[in-house]
Amino acid sequence: MKLSEVKSILPSLDHVVFQLENGMVVPEHFHITEVGMTTKQFIDCGGVLREDRTINFQLWNANDTDHRLEPAKLLNIIRLSEEKIGLVDAEVEVEYQGRTIEKYDLGFNGNQFILLAKQTNCLAQDSCGIPKDQLPETKKNACTPGGGCC
């Protein structure tokens, strides 16, 4: 989900709710401790130079169980971030504490934001040399160890 989509959804919400795909809801007293933009420059396994920009929200739970982040407040934080650090309309990635800092893609189910599991992918599939029909169904878009692409 792009930042512009988040901004268009927020005014229609009574409360900001984040839920993991397994149904677990992020405690309602969460904070968004960071809104930022991450730029990643890298070379894929086919030797192509790439750049990726994502907007980052970091969710954090504190002991202040009376805290609630209202939609208008989050929208103001986003607007301030756009003004101060020049956010672009990029995909939003959410960091949330699990065993370590976990990163999720962001979706919306009509009522709440959904933290979607991220997947690795081979960006140079034409260089891998693995026919798609030979990859396991869950790996159709990903390189495999020993596959020649990495």
C-alpha atoms as a PDB file:
ATOM      1  CA  MET A   1       0.000   0.000   0.000  1.00  0.00           C
ATOM      2  CA  LYS A   2       1.328   3.409  -0.934  1.00  0.00           C
ATOM      3  CA  LEU A   3       1.460   6.382   1.414  1.00  0.00           C
ATOM      4  CA  SER A   4      -1.232   8.188  -0.607  1.00  0.00           C
ATOM      5  CA  GLU A   5      -3.598   5.265   0.052  1.00  0.00           C
ATOM      6  CA  VAL A   6      -2.951   5.431   3.799  1.00  0.00           C
ATOM      7  CA  LYS A   7      -3.642   9.170   3.727  1.00  0.00           C
ATOM      8  CA  SER A   8      -6.902   8.665   1.840  1.00  0.00           C
ATOM      9  CA  ILE A   9      -8.106   5.949   4.264  1.00  0.00           C
ATOM     10  CA  LEU A  10      -7.327   7.717   7.552  1.00  0.00           C
ATOM     11  CA  PRO A  11     -10.096  10.385   7.403  1.00  0.00           C
ATOM     12  CA  SER A  12     -12.764   7.665   7.145  1.00  0.00           C
ATOM     13  CA  LEU A  13     -11.596   5.790  10.268  1.00  0.00           C
ATOM     14  CA  ASP A  14     -12.771   6.209  13.861  1.00  0.00           C
ATOM     15  CA  HIS A  15      -9.668   4.428  15.203  1.00  0.00           C
ATOM     16  CA  VAL A  16      -6.311   3.305  13.824  1.00  0.00           C
ATOM     17  CA  VAL A  17      -6.017  -0.459  14.166  1.00  0.00           C
ATOM     18  CA  PHE A  18      -3.188  -2.695  12.967  1.00  0.00           C
ATOM     19  CA  GLN A  19      -3.667  -6.451  12.768  1.00  0.00           C
ATOM     20  CA  LEU A  20      -1.271  -9.228  11.870  1.00  0.00           C
ATOM     21  CA  GLU A  21      -2.324 -11.792   9.265  1.00  0.00           C
ATOM     22  CA  ASN A  22      -2.758 -14.390  12.025  1.00  0.00           C
ATOM     23  CA  GLY A  23      -5.551 -12.268  13.524  1.00  0.00           C
ATOM     24  CA  MET A  24      -3.536 -10.870  16.427  1.00  0.00           C
ATOM     25  CA  VAL A  25      -4.299  -7.176  16.882  1.00  0.00           C
ATOM     26  CA  VAL A  26      -1.523  -4.755  17.813  1.00  0.00           C
ATOM     27  CA  PRO A  27      -2.448  -3.418  21.289  1.00  0.00           C
ATOM     28  CA  GLU A  28      -4.524  -0.272  20.898  1.00  0.00           C
ATOM     29  CA  HIS A  29      -2.096   1.757  23.013  1.00  0.00           C
ATOM     30  CA  PHE A  30       0.687   1.477  20.386  1.00  0.00           C
ATOM     31  CA  HIS A  31       2.766   4.456  19.338  1.00  0.00           C
ATOM     32  CA  ILE A  32       4.174   5.212  15.916  1.00  0.00           C
ATOM     33  CA  THR A  33       7.676   6.141  17.015  1.00  0.00           C
ATOM     34  CA  GLU A  34       9.057   6.775  13.540  1.00  0.00           C
ATOM     35  CA  VAL A  35       7.789   7.833  10.147  1.00  0.00           C
ATOM     36  CA  GLY A  36      10.609   7.902   7.663  1.00  0.00           C
ATOM     37  CA  MET A  37      11.820   7.117   4.202  1.00  0.00           C
ATOM     38  CA  THR A  38      14.391   4.438   3.516  1.00  0.00           C
ATOM     39  CA  THR A  39      16.411   4.382   0.326  1.00  0.00           C
ATOM     40  CA  LYS A  40      18.142   1.128  -0.550  1.00  0.00           C
ATOM     41  CA  GLN A  41      20.710   0.959  -3.347  1.00  0.00           C
ATOM     42  CA  PHE A  42      21.758  -2.498  -4.416  1.00  0.00           C
ATOM     43  CA  ILE A  43      22.771  -4.766  -7.251  1.00  0.00           C
ATOM     44  CA  ASP A  44      20.505  -7.707  -7.980  1.00  0.00           C
ATOM     45  CA  CYS A  45      21.821 -11.188  -8.746  1.00  0.00           C
ATOM     46  CA  GLY A  46      21.738 -10.352 -12.462  1.00  0.00           C
ATOM     47  CA  GLY A  47      24.128  -7.423 -11.968  1.00  0.00           C
ATOM     48  CA  VAL A  48      21.517  -4.669 -12.389  1.00  0.00           C
ATOM     49  CA  LEU A  49      21.932  -1.602 -10.170  1.00  0.00           C
ATOM     50  CA  ARG A  50      18.652  -0.835  -8.393  1.00  0.00           C
ATOM     51  CA  GLU A  51      17.207   1.675  -5.967  1.00  0.00           C
ATOM     52  CA  ASP A  52      14.165   1.134  -3.797  1.00  0.00           C
ATOM     53  CA  ARG A  53      12.401   3.694  -1.608  1.00  0.00           C
ATOM     54  CA  THR A  54       9.949   2.784   1.104  1.00  0.00           C
ATOM     55  CA  ILE A  55       8.074   4.757   3.689  1.00  0.00           C
ATOM     56  CA  ASN A  56       8.630   3.333   7.151  1.00  0.00           C
ATOM     57  CA  PHE A  57       6.252   3.331  10.126  1.00  0.00           C
ATOM     58  CA  GLN A  58       7.650   1.907  13.354  1.00  0.00           C
ATOM     59  CA  LEU A  59       5.035   0.624  15.816  1.00  0.00           C
ATOM     60  CA  TRP A  60       5.910   0.378  19.493  1.00  0.00           C
ATOM     61  CA  ASN A  61       3.962  -0.645  22.580  1.00  0.00           C
ATOM     62  CA  ALA A  62       4.533   1.217  25.808  1.00  0.00           C
ATOM     63  CA  ASN A  63       3.079   0.803  29.268  1.00  0.00           C
ATOM     64  CA  ASP A  64       0.833   3.843  28.869  1.00  0.00           C
ATOM     65  CA  THR A  65      -2.320   1.859  28.189  1.00  0.00           C
ATOM     66  CA  ASP A  66      -4.411   5.063  28.066  1.00  0.00           C
ATOM     67  CA  HIS A  67      -2.628   6.147  24.852  1.00  0.00           C
ATOM     68  CA  ARG A  68      -4.586   5.995  21.572  1.00  0.00           C
ATOM     69  CA  LEU A  69      -3.320   7.217  18.218  1.00  0.00           C
ATOM     70  CA  GLU A  70      -6.284   8.768  16.438  1.00  0.00           C
ATOM     71  CA  PRO A  71      -6.479   8.901  12.625  1.00  0.00           C
ATOM     72  CA  ALA A  72      -6.199  12.708  12.484  1.00  0.00           C
ATOM     73  CA  LYS A  73      -3.041  12.613  14.624  1.00  0.00           C
ATOM     74  CA  LEU A  74      -1.416  10.013  12.354  1.00  0.00           C
ATOM     75  CA  LEU A  75      -2.376  12.062   9.301  1.00  0.00           C
ATOM     76  CA  ASN A  76      -0.731  15.120  10.899  1.00  0.00           C
ATOM     77  CA  ILE A  77       2.427  13.107  11.627  1.00  0.00           C
ATOM     78  CA  ILE A  78       2.539  11.979   7.983  1.00  0.00           C
ATOM     79  CA  ARG A  79       2.031  15.541   6.704  1.00  0.00           C
ATOM     80  CA  LEU A  80       4.771  16.854   8.995  1.00  0.00           C
ATOM     81  CA  SER A  81       7.084  14.086   7.745  1.00  0.00           C
ATOM     82  CA  GLU A  82       6.291  14.999   4.136  1.00  0.00           C
ATOM     83  CA  GLU A  83       7.140  18.626   4.874  1.00  0.00           C
ATOM     84  CA  LYS A  84      10.283  18.045   6.943  1.00  0.00           C
ATOM     85  CA  ILE A  85      11.931  15.095   5.192  1.00  0.00           C
ATOM     86  CA  GLY A  86      10.304  15.135   1.757  1.00  0.00           C
ATOM     87  CA  LEU A  87       8.498  11.790   1.816  1.00  0.00           C
ATOM     88  CA  VAL A  88       7.568  10.504  -1.628  1.00  0.00           C
ATOM     89  CA  ASP A  89       4.501   8.429  -2.472  1.00  0.00           C
ATOM     90  CA  ALA A  90       6.132   5.039  -1.997  1.00  0.00           C
ATOM     91  CA  GLU A  91       5.093   1.691  -0.539  1.00  0.00           C
ATOM     92  CA  VAL A  92       4.682   1.681   3.236  1.00  0.00           C
ATOM     93  CA  GLU A  93       6.635  -0.819   5.301  1.00  0.00           C
ATOM     94  CA  VAL A  94       5.787  -1.319   8.969  1.00  0.00           C
ATOM     95  CA  GLU A  95       8.286  -2.340  11.643  1.00  0.00           C
ATOM     96  CA  TYR A  96       6.849  -4.138  14.644  1.00  0.00           C
ATOM     97  CA  GLN A  97       8.518  -5.931  17.545  1.00  0.00           C
ATOM     98  CA  GLY A  98       8.399  -9.710  17.430  1.00  0.00           C
ATOM     99  CA  ARG A  99      11.388 -11.878  18.363  1.00  0.00           C
ATOM    100  CA  THR A 100      13.340  -9.109  16.661  1.00  0.00           C
ATOM    101  CA  ILE A 101      12.247  -6.072  14.659  1.00  0.00           C
ATOM    102  CA  GLU A 102       9.944  -7.559  12.048  1.00  0.00           C
ATOM    103  CA  LYS A 103       9.090  -5.781   8.794  1.00  0.00           C
ATOM    104  CA  TYR A 104       5.717  -6.039   7.109  1.00  0.00           C
ATOM    105  CA  ASP A 105       3.991  -4.774   3.996  1.00  0.00           C
ATOM    106  CA  LEU A 106       0.772  -2.911   4.662  1.00  0.00           C
ATOM    107  CA  GLY A 107      -2.743  -3.760   3.517  1.00  0.00           C
ATOM    108  CA  PHE A 108      -6.256  -2.690   4.472  1.00  0.00           C
ATOM    109  CA  ASN A 109      -9.339  -4.879   4.848  1.00  0.00           C
ATOM    110  CA  GLY A 110     -11.959  -2.122   4.894  1.00  0.00           C
ATOM    111  CA  ASN A 111     -11.808  -1.673   8.671  1.00  0.00           C
ATOM    112  CA  GLN A 112      -8.200  -1.943   9.786  1.00  0.00           C
ATOM    113  CA  PHE A 113      -4.671  -1.999   8.496  1.00  0.00           C
ATOM    114  CA  ILE A 114      -3.203  -5.472   8.016  1.00  0.00           C
ATOM    115  CA  LEU A 115       0.496  -6.237   8.547  1.00  0.00           C
ATOM    116  CA  LEU A 116       1.328  -8.537   5.630  1.00  0.00           C
ATOM    117  CA  ALA A 117       4.270 -10.932   5.662  1.00  0.00           C
ATOM    118  CA  LYS A 118       7.026  -9.825   3.316  1.00  0.00           C
ATOM    119  CA  GLN A 119       8.513 -12.280   0.835  1.00  0.00           C
ATOM    120  CA  THR A 120      11.896 -12.409  -0.809  1.00  0.00           C
ATOM    121  CA  ASN A 121      11.984 -12.415  -4.583  1.00  0.00           C
ATOM    122  CA  CYS A 122      14.514 -12.765  -7.365  1.00  0.00           C
ATOM    123  CA  LEU A 123      14.534  -9.538  -9.361  1.00  0.00           C
ATOM    124  CA  ALA A 124      16.591 -11.042 -12.191  1.00  0.00           C
ATOM    125  CA  GLN A 125      14.623 -14.176 -12.955  1.00  0.00           C
ATOM    126  CA  ASP A 126      15.810 -14.135 -16.549  1.00  0.00           C
ATOM    127  CA  SER A 127      19.378 -14.541 -15.215  1.00  0.00           C
ATOM    128  CA  CYS A 128      18.585 -17.399 -12.835  1.00  0.00           C
ATOM    129  CA  GLY A 129      18.280 -20.152 -15.386  1.00  0.00           C
ATOM    130  CA  ILE A 130      15.538 -21.899 -13.416  1.00  0.00           C
ATOM    131  CA  PRO A 131      12.381 -22.593 -15.436  1.00  0.00           C
ATOM    132  CA  LYS A 132       9.372 -21.323 -13.493  1.00  0.00           C
ATOM    133  CA  ASP A 133       7.654 -24.688 -13.824  1.00  0.00           C
ATOM    134  CA  GLN A 134      10.526 -26.305 -11.880  1.00  0.00           C
ATOM    135  CA  LEU A 135      10.206 -24.007  -8.875  1.00  0.00           C
ATOM    136  CA  PRO A 136       8.067 -25.056  -5.921  1.00  0.00           C
ATOM    137  CA  GLU A 137       4.650 -23.357  -6.035  1.00  0.00           C
ATOM    138  CA  THR A 138       5.548 -21.061  -3.123  1.00  0.00           C
ATOM    139  CA  LYS A 139       8.809 -20.062  -4.819  1.00  0.00           C
ATOM    140  CA  LYS A 140       7.639 -19.262  -8.355  1.00  0.00           C
ATOM    141  CA  ASN A 141       9.022 -15.735  -8.030  1.00  0.00           C
ATOM    142  CA  ALA A 142      12.069 -16.428  -5.879  1.00  0.00           C
ATOM    143  CA  CYS A 143      15.586 -17.736  -6.395  1.00  0.00           C
ATOM    144  CA  THR A 144      16.622 -20.933  -4.642  1.00  0.00           C
ATOM    145  CA  PRO A 145      20.008 -21.840  -3.194  1.00  0.00           C
ATOM    146  CA  GLY A 146      22.203 -23.392  -5.853  1.00  0.00           C
ATOM    147  CA  GLY A 147      19.890 -22.066  -8.579  1.00  0.00           C
ATOM    148  CA  GLY A 148      22.579 -19.989 -10.238  1.00  0.00           C
ATOM    149  CA  CYS A 149      21.038 -16.583  -9.683  1.00  0.00           C
ATOM    150  CA  CYS A 150      22.750 -15.656  -6.433  1.00  0.00           C
END
